[in-house]
Amino acid sequence: MMAAENPNPRQLLEQSELIHSAEAVEFAISQLAVLINAELRESVPVVMCVMGGAVVFAGQLLPKLDFPLEFDYVQASRYHNQTQGQQLVWKVLPGEHLRGRTVLLLDDILDQGHTLEAIKEKCLEQGAERVVIAVLVEKELAKSKPIQADFVGLNVPDRYVFGCGMDVYGWWRNLPAIYALEEV
């Protein structure tokens, strides 16, 4: 369903369930920063933000990292403002400046893992020595995923979640908390 087919984003939010409060999200990001600082303190990584979902997460995490870093972004999507994943579409590929570098890949959610797996593979193809993955949330699925995150802030149930950079029909990336669509 596209945003135009669902004309009331406020009603959508009102009918959704709060999964993690803004305070819980903020605490999780602070805890992630502690762990990432310990892991990458001696490196000068390229921090790669997966656009557009991870922009909120990256904006909150980066000021908490206490090592020198370079910042870049990549853009690939399977959702295209819908709630079901489709074929992966690349909008911005990782650059060649990754050769021999450690990459800290930041994403909003580890769902089925196909997008993150493809991005990690592209970074390695571009010569990255090591790719470390940090996600704000990981969806709890009954099936295994093709990739695992090195750092996970919060877990969410197997429902469509939004807020903190994650959208629903293109809306509500700007919410400070995480919500789930009502179950049908």
C-alpha atoms as a PDB file:
ATOM      1  CA  MET A   1       0.000   0.000   0.000  1.00  0.00           C
ATOM      2  CA  MET A   2       1.415   3.411  -0.931  1.00  0.00           C
ATOM      3  CA  ALA A   3       1.089   6.599   1.119  1.00  0.00           C
ATOM      4  CA  ALA A   4      -1.538   7.973  -1.261  1.00  0.00           C
ATOM      5  CA  GLU A   5      -3.766   4.944  -0.583  1.00  0.00           C
ATOM      6  CA  ASN A   6      -3.600   5.509   3.178  1.00  0.00           C
ATOM      7  CA  PRO A   7      -4.617   9.171   3.618  1.00  0.00           C
ATOM      8  CA  ASN A   8      -4.470   9.482   7.411  1.00  0.00           C
ATOM      9  CA  PRO A   9      -0.988   9.107   8.955  1.00  0.00           C
ATOM     10  CA  ARG A  10      -2.153  10.461  12.346  1.00  0.00           C
ATOM     11  CA  GLN A  11      -4.854   7.817  12.630  1.00  0.00           C
ATOM     12  CA  LEU A  12      -2.298   5.183  11.667  1.00  0.00           C
ATOM     13  CA  LEU A  13      -0.089   6.312  14.562  1.00  0.00           C
ATOM     14  CA  GLU A  14      -2.996   6.415  17.011  1.00  0.00           C
ATOM     15  CA  GLN A  15      -3.893   2.835  16.125  1.00  0.00           C
ATOM     16  CA  SER A  16      -0.311   1.583  16.500  1.00  0.00           C
ATOM     17  CA  GLU A  17       1.343   0.072  19.563  1.00  0.00           C
ATOM     18  CA  LEU A  18       4.320   1.675  21.331  1.00  0.00           C
ATOM     19  CA  ILE A  19       7.115  -0.915  21.319  1.00  0.00           C
ATOM     20  CA  HIS A  20      10.062   1.135  22.685  1.00  0.00           C
ATOM     21  CA  SER A  21       9.814   4.587  24.266  1.00  0.00           C
ATOM     22  CA  ALA A  22      12.059   7.480  23.268  1.00  0.00           C
ATOM     23  CA  GLU A  23      13.929   7.003  26.558  1.00  0.00           C
ATOM     24  CA  ALA A  24      14.531   3.313  25.813  1.00  0.00           C
ATOM     25  CA  VAL A  25      15.842   4.197  22.349  1.00  0.00           C
ATOM     26  CA  GLU A  26      18.159   6.878  23.746  1.00  0.00           C
ATOM     27  CA  PHE A  27      19.499   4.479  26.389  1.00  0.00           C
ATOM     28  CA  ALA A  28      20.072   1.730  23.797  1.00  0.00           C
ATOM     29  CA  ILE A  29      22.039   4.109  21.553  1.00  0.00           C
ATOM     30  CA  SER A  30      24.196   5.183  24.500  1.00  0.00           C
ATOM     31  CA  GLN A  31      24.911   1.519  25.314  1.00  0.00           C
ATOM     32  CA  LEU A  32      25.757   0.798  21.680  1.00  0.00           C
ATOM     33  CA  ALA A  33      28.216   3.704  21.698  1.00  0.00           C
ATOM     34  CA  VAL A  34      30.039   2.239  24.697  1.00  0.00           C
ATOM     35  CA  LEU A  35      30.394  -1.137  22.959  1.00  0.00           C
ATOM     36  CA  ILE A  36      31.381   0.332  19.590  1.00  0.00           C
ATOM     37  CA  ASN A  37      33.923   2.664  21.222  1.00  0.00           C
ATOM     38  CA  ALA A  38      35.538  -0.328  22.921  1.00  0.00           C
ATOM     39  CA  GLU A  39      35.633  -2.317  19.667  1.00  0.00           C
ATOM     40  CA  LEU A  40      36.826   0.408  17.273  1.00  0.00           C
ATOM     41  CA  ARG A  41      38.815   2.732  19.550  1.00  0.00           C
ATOM     42  CA  GLU A  42      42.131   1.917  17.852  1.00  0.00           C
ATOM     43  CA  SER A  43      40.875   2.282  14.284  1.00  0.00           C
ATOM     44  CA  VAL A  44      39.864   5.125  12.006  1.00  0.00           C
ATOM     45  CA  PRO A  45      36.845   3.561  10.323  1.00  0.00           C
ATOM     46  CA  VAL A  46      34.604   4.712   7.548  1.00  0.00           C
ATOM     47  CA  VAL A  47      31.173   4.974   9.133  1.00  0.00           C
ATOM     48  CA  MET A  48      28.658   4.159   6.431  1.00  0.00           C
ATOM     49  CA  CYS A  49      25.030   5.137   7.034  1.00  0.00           C
ATOM     50  CA  VAL A  50      22.363   3.193   5.173  1.00  0.00           C
ATOM     51  CA  MET A  51      20.044   5.903   3.870  1.00  0.00           C
ATOM     52  CA  GLY A  52      17.381   6.932   4.481  1.00  0.00           C
ATOM     53  CA  GLY A  53      16.358   4.853   7.526  1.00  0.00           C
ATOM     54  CA  ALA A  54      19.626   4.970   9.467  1.00  0.00           C
ATOM     55  CA  VAL A  55      20.005   8.759   9.297  1.00  0.00           C
ATOM     56  CA  VAL A  56      18.232   9.266  12.655  1.00  0.00           C
ATOM     57  CA  PHE A  57      20.242   6.477  14.306  1.00  0.00           C
ATOM     58  CA  ALA A  58      23.526   7.774  12.850  1.00  0.00           C
ATOM     59  CA  GLY A  59      22.739  11.327  13.931  1.00  0.00           C
ATOM     60  CA  GLN A  60      22.262  10.188  17.523  1.00  0.00           C
ATOM     61  CA  LEU A  61      25.156   7.706  17.613  1.00  0.00           C
ATOM     62  CA  LEU A  62      27.967   9.658  15.917  1.00  0.00           C
ATOM     63  CA  PRO A  63      28.371  12.329  18.640  1.00  0.00           C
ATOM     64  CA  LYS A  64      28.840   9.509  21.173  1.00  0.00           C
ATOM     65  CA  LEU A  65      31.739   7.880  19.305  1.00  0.00           C
ATOM     66  CA  ASP A  66      35.119   8.928  20.674  1.00  0.00           C
ATOM     67  CA  PHE A  67      37.460   7.932  17.845  1.00  0.00           C
ATOM     68  CA  PRO A  68      38.329   9.647  14.562  1.00  0.00           C
ATOM     69  CA  LEU A  69      36.178   8.532  11.666  1.00  0.00           C
ATOM     70  CA  GLU A  70      35.192   9.315   8.121  1.00  0.00           C
ATOM     71  CA  PHE A  71      31.498   9.453   7.292  1.00  0.00           C
ATOM     72  CA  ASP A  72      29.812   8.251   4.135  1.00  0.00           C
ATOM     73  CA  TYR A  73      26.525   6.729   3.087  1.00  0.00           C
ATOM     74  CA  VAL A  74      25.041   4.067   0.885  1.00  0.00           C
ATOM     75  CA  GLN A  75      21.480   3.785  -0.343  1.00  0.00           C
ATOM     76  CA  ALA A  76      19.719   0.572  -1.263  1.00  0.00           C
ATOM     77  CA  SER A  77      16.128  -0.345  -0.602  1.00  0.00           C
ATOM     78  CA  ARG A  78      13.714  -3.235  -0.857  1.00  0.00           C
ATOM     79  CA  TYR A  79      10.626  -1.488   0.554  1.00  0.00           C
ATOM     80  CA  HIS A  80      10.008   1.615  -1.621  1.00  0.00           C
ATOM     81  CA  ASN A  81       7.467   3.175   0.837  1.00  0.00           C
ATOM     82  CA  GLN A  82       5.605  -0.123   1.144  1.00  0.00           C
ATOM     83  CA  THR A  83       5.373  -2.644   3.972  1.00  0.00           C
ATOM     84  CA  GLN A  84       6.585  -5.684   2.000  1.00  0.00           C
ATOM     85  CA  GLY A  85      10.155  -6.156   0.753  1.00  0.00           C
ATOM     86  CA  GLN A  86      10.744  -6.371  -2.988  1.00  0.00           C
ATOM     87  CA  GLN A  87      13.793  -6.579  -5.245  1.00  0.00           C
ATOM     88  CA  LEU A  88      16.836  -4.631  -4.027  1.00  0.00           C
ATOM     89  CA  VAL A  89      17.347  -1.296  -5.795  1.00  0.00           C
ATOM     90  CA  TRP A  90      20.721   0.492  -5.488  1.00  0.00           C
ATOM     91  CA  LYS A  91      20.608   4.289  -5.445  1.00  0.00           C
ATOM     92  CA  VAL A  92      24.134   4.977  -4.088  1.00  0.00           C
ATOM     93  CA  LEU A  93      26.849   2.295  -4.086  1.00  0.00           C
ATOM     94  CA  PRO A  94      29.771   2.149  -1.632  1.00  0.00           C
ATOM     95  CA  GLY A  95      32.817   3.978  -2.987  1.00  0.00           C
ATOM     96  CA  GLU A  96      36.293   2.723  -3.787  1.00  0.00           C
ATOM     97  CA  HIS A  97      37.786   4.624  -0.832  1.00  0.00           C
ATOM     98  CA  LEU A  98      37.001   1.593   1.361  1.00  0.00           C
ATOM     99  CA  ARG A  99      40.083  -0.360   0.251  1.00  0.00           C
ATOM    100  CA  GLY A 100      41.967  -1.640   3.285  1.00  0.00           C
ATOM    101  CA  ARG A 101      39.611   0.108   5.718  1.00  0.00           C
ATOM    102  CA  THR A 102      37.353  -0.936   8.546  1.00  0.00           C
ATOM    103  CA  VAL A 103      33.743  -0.030   7.764  1.00  0.00           C
ATOM    104  CA  LEU A 104      31.161   0.544  10.483  1.00  0.00           C
ATOM    105  CA  LEU A 105      27.862  -0.023   8.702  1.00  0.00           C
ATOM    106  CA  LEU A 106      24.901   1.647  10.461  1.00  0.00           C
ATOM    107  CA  ASP A 107      21.325   0.646   9.694  1.00  0.00           C
ATOM    108  CA  ASP A 108      17.979   1.253  11.340  1.00  0.00           C
ATOM    109  CA  ILE A 109      16.769  -2.360  11.315  1.00  0.00           C
ATOM    110  CA  LEU A 110      17.980  -5.866  10.695  1.00  0.00           C
ATOM    111  CA  ASP A 111      14.823  -7.465   9.362  1.00  0.00           C
ATOM    112  CA  GLN A 112      15.277 -10.392   6.965  1.00  0.00           C
ATOM    113  CA  GLY A 113      18.893  -9.340   6.365  1.00  0.00           C
ATOM    114  CA  HIS A 114      18.967  -9.308   2.575  1.00  0.00           C
ATOM    115  CA  THR A 115      19.708  -5.585   2.200  1.00  0.00           C
ATOM    116  CA  LEU A 116      22.460  -5.558   4.835  1.00  0.00           C
ATOM    117  CA  GLU A 117      23.992  -8.702   3.374  1.00  0.00           C
ATOM    118  CA  ALA A 118      24.146  -7.092  -0.096  1.00  0.00           C
ATOM    119  CA  ILE A 119      25.639  -3.867   1.298  1.00  0.00           C
ATOM    120  CA  LYS A 120      28.279  -5.749   3.292  1.00  0.00           C
ATOM    121  CA  GLU A 121      29.209  -7.791   0.199  1.00  0.00           C
ATOM    122  CA  LYS A 122      29.540  -4.574  -1.866  1.00  0.00           C
ATOM    123  CA  CYS A 123      31.804  -3.014   0.791  1.00  0.00           C
ATOM    124  CA  LEU A 124      34.025  -6.118   0.753  1.00  0.00           C
ATOM    125  CA  GLU A 125      34.050  -6.090  -3.073  1.00  0.00           C
ATOM    126  CA  GLN A 126      35.272  -2.484  -2.869  1.00  0.00           C
ATOM    127  CA  GLY A 127      38.194  -3.698  -0.769  1.00  0.00           C
ATOM    128  CA  ALA A 128      37.041  -3.102   2.794  1.00  0.00           C
ATOM    129  CA  GLU A 129      39.253  -5.081   5.155  1.00  0.00           C
ATOM    130  CA  ARG A 130      36.510  -5.516   7.743  1.00  0.00           C
ATOM    131  CA  VAL A 131      32.808  -4.641   7.936  1.00  0.00           C
ATOM    132  CA  VAL A 132      31.255  -4.211  11.391  1.00  0.00           C
ATOM    133  CA  ILE A 133      27.464  -3.842  11.528  1.00  0.00           C
ATOM    134  CA  ALA A 134      25.466  -1.885  14.108  1.00  0.00           C
ATOM    135  CA  VAL A 135      21.686  -1.710  13.939  1.00  0.00           C
ATOM    136  CA  LEU A 136      19.263   0.210  16.092  1.00  0.00           C
ATOM    137  CA  VAL A 137      16.787  -2.691  16.119  1.00  0.00           C
ATOM    138  CA  GLU A 138      16.694  -6.326  15.122  1.00  0.00           C
ATOM    139  CA  LYS A 139      13.417  -7.992  14.267  1.00  0.00           C
ATOM    140  CA  GLU A 140      12.840 -11.316  16.017  1.00  0.00           C
ATOM    141  CA  LEU A 141      12.043 -13.791  13.245  1.00  0.00           C
ATOM    142  CA  ALA A 142      11.376 -17.515  13.446  1.00  0.00           C
ATOM    143  CA  LYS A 143      13.693 -18.187  10.496  1.00  0.00           C
ATOM    144  CA  SER A 144      17.445 -17.651  10.288  1.00  0.00           C
ATOM    145  CA  LYS A 145      18.948 -14.606   8.577  1.00  0.00           C
ATOM    146  CA  PRO A 146      21.790 -14.559   6.041  1.00  0.00           C
ATOM    147  CA  ILE A 147      23.694 -12.012   8.154  1.00  0.00           C
ATOM    148  CA  GLN A 148      24.106 -11.051  11.810  1.00  0.00           C
ATOM    149  CA  ALA A 149      24.749  -7.634  13.296  1.00  0.00           C
ATOM    150  CA  ASP A 150      27.767  -7.148  15.541  1.00  0.00           C
ATOM    151  CA  PHE A 151      25.862  -4.620  17.651  1.00  0.00           C
ATOM    152  CA  VAL A 152      22.089  -4.493  18.255  1.00  0.00           C
ATOM    153  CA  GLY A 153      20.381  -1.750  20.253  1.00  0.00           C
ATOM    154  CA  LEU A 154      16.894  -3.192  20.721  1.00  0.00           C
ATOM    155  CA  ASN A 155      14.827  -6.175  19.634  1.00  0.00           C
ATOM    156  CA  VAL A 156      11.384  -5.814  18.123  1.00  0.00           C
ATOM    157  CA  PRO A 157       8.654  -8.394  17.465  1.00  0.00           C
ATOM    158  CA  ASP A 158       7.930  -9.764  14.006  1.00  0.00           C
ATOM    159  CA  ARG A 159       5.597  -6.910  13.115  1.00  0.00           C
ATOM    160  CA  TYR A 160       5.933  -3.868  10.887  1.00  0.00           C
ATOM    161  CA  VAL A 161       7.710  -1.246  13.037  1.00  0.00           C
ATOM    162  CA  PHE A 162       8.319   2.451  12.450  1.00  0.00           C
ATOM    163  CA  GLY A 163       9.829   5.538  14.086  1.00  0.00           C
ATOM    164  CA  CYS A 164      13.489   6.412  14.774  1.00  0.00           C
ATOM    165  CA  GLY A 165      14.248   6.515  11.053  1.00  0.00           C
ATOM    166  CA  MET A 166      12.012   3.609  10.043  1.00  0.00           C
ATOM    167  CA  ASP A 167       9.000   4.622   8.005  1.00  0.00           C
ATOM    168  CA  VAL A 168       5.505   3.345   7.442  1.00  0.00           C
ATOM    169  CA  TYR A 169       4.159   4.163   3.947  1.00  0.00           C
ATOM    170  CA  GLY A 170       6.862   6.853   3.752  1.00  0.00           C
ATOM    171  CA  TRP A 171       5.790   8.585   6.999  1.00  0.00           C
ATOM    172  CA  TRP A 172       6.892   8.852  10.641  1.00  0.00           C
ATOM    173  CA  ARG A 173      10.672   8.434  10.344  1.00  0.00           C
ATOM    174  CA  ASN A 174      10.825  11.454  12.648  1.00  0.00           C
ATOM    175  CA  LEU A 175       9.244   9.790  15.703  1.00  0.00           C
ATOM    176  CA  PRO A 176      11.614   9.470  18.696  1.00  0.00           C
ATOM    177  CA  ALA A 177      10.010   6.179  19.787  1.00  0.00           C
ATOM    178  CA  ILE A 178       9.359   2.876  17.986  1.00  0.00           C
ATOM    179  CA  TYR A 179       5.816   1.756  17.167  1.00  0.00           C
ATOM    180  CA  ALA A 180       4.294  -1.309  15.497  1.00  0.00           C
ATOM    181  CA  LEU A 181       1.332  -1.359  13.176  1.00  0.00           C
ATOM    182  CA  GLU A 182      -1.720  -2.940  14.734  1.00  0.00           C
ATOM    183  CA  GLU A 183      -1.953  -6.626  14.002  1.00  0.00           C
ATOM    184  CA  VAL A 184      -4.687  -7.557  11.569  1.00  0.00           C
END
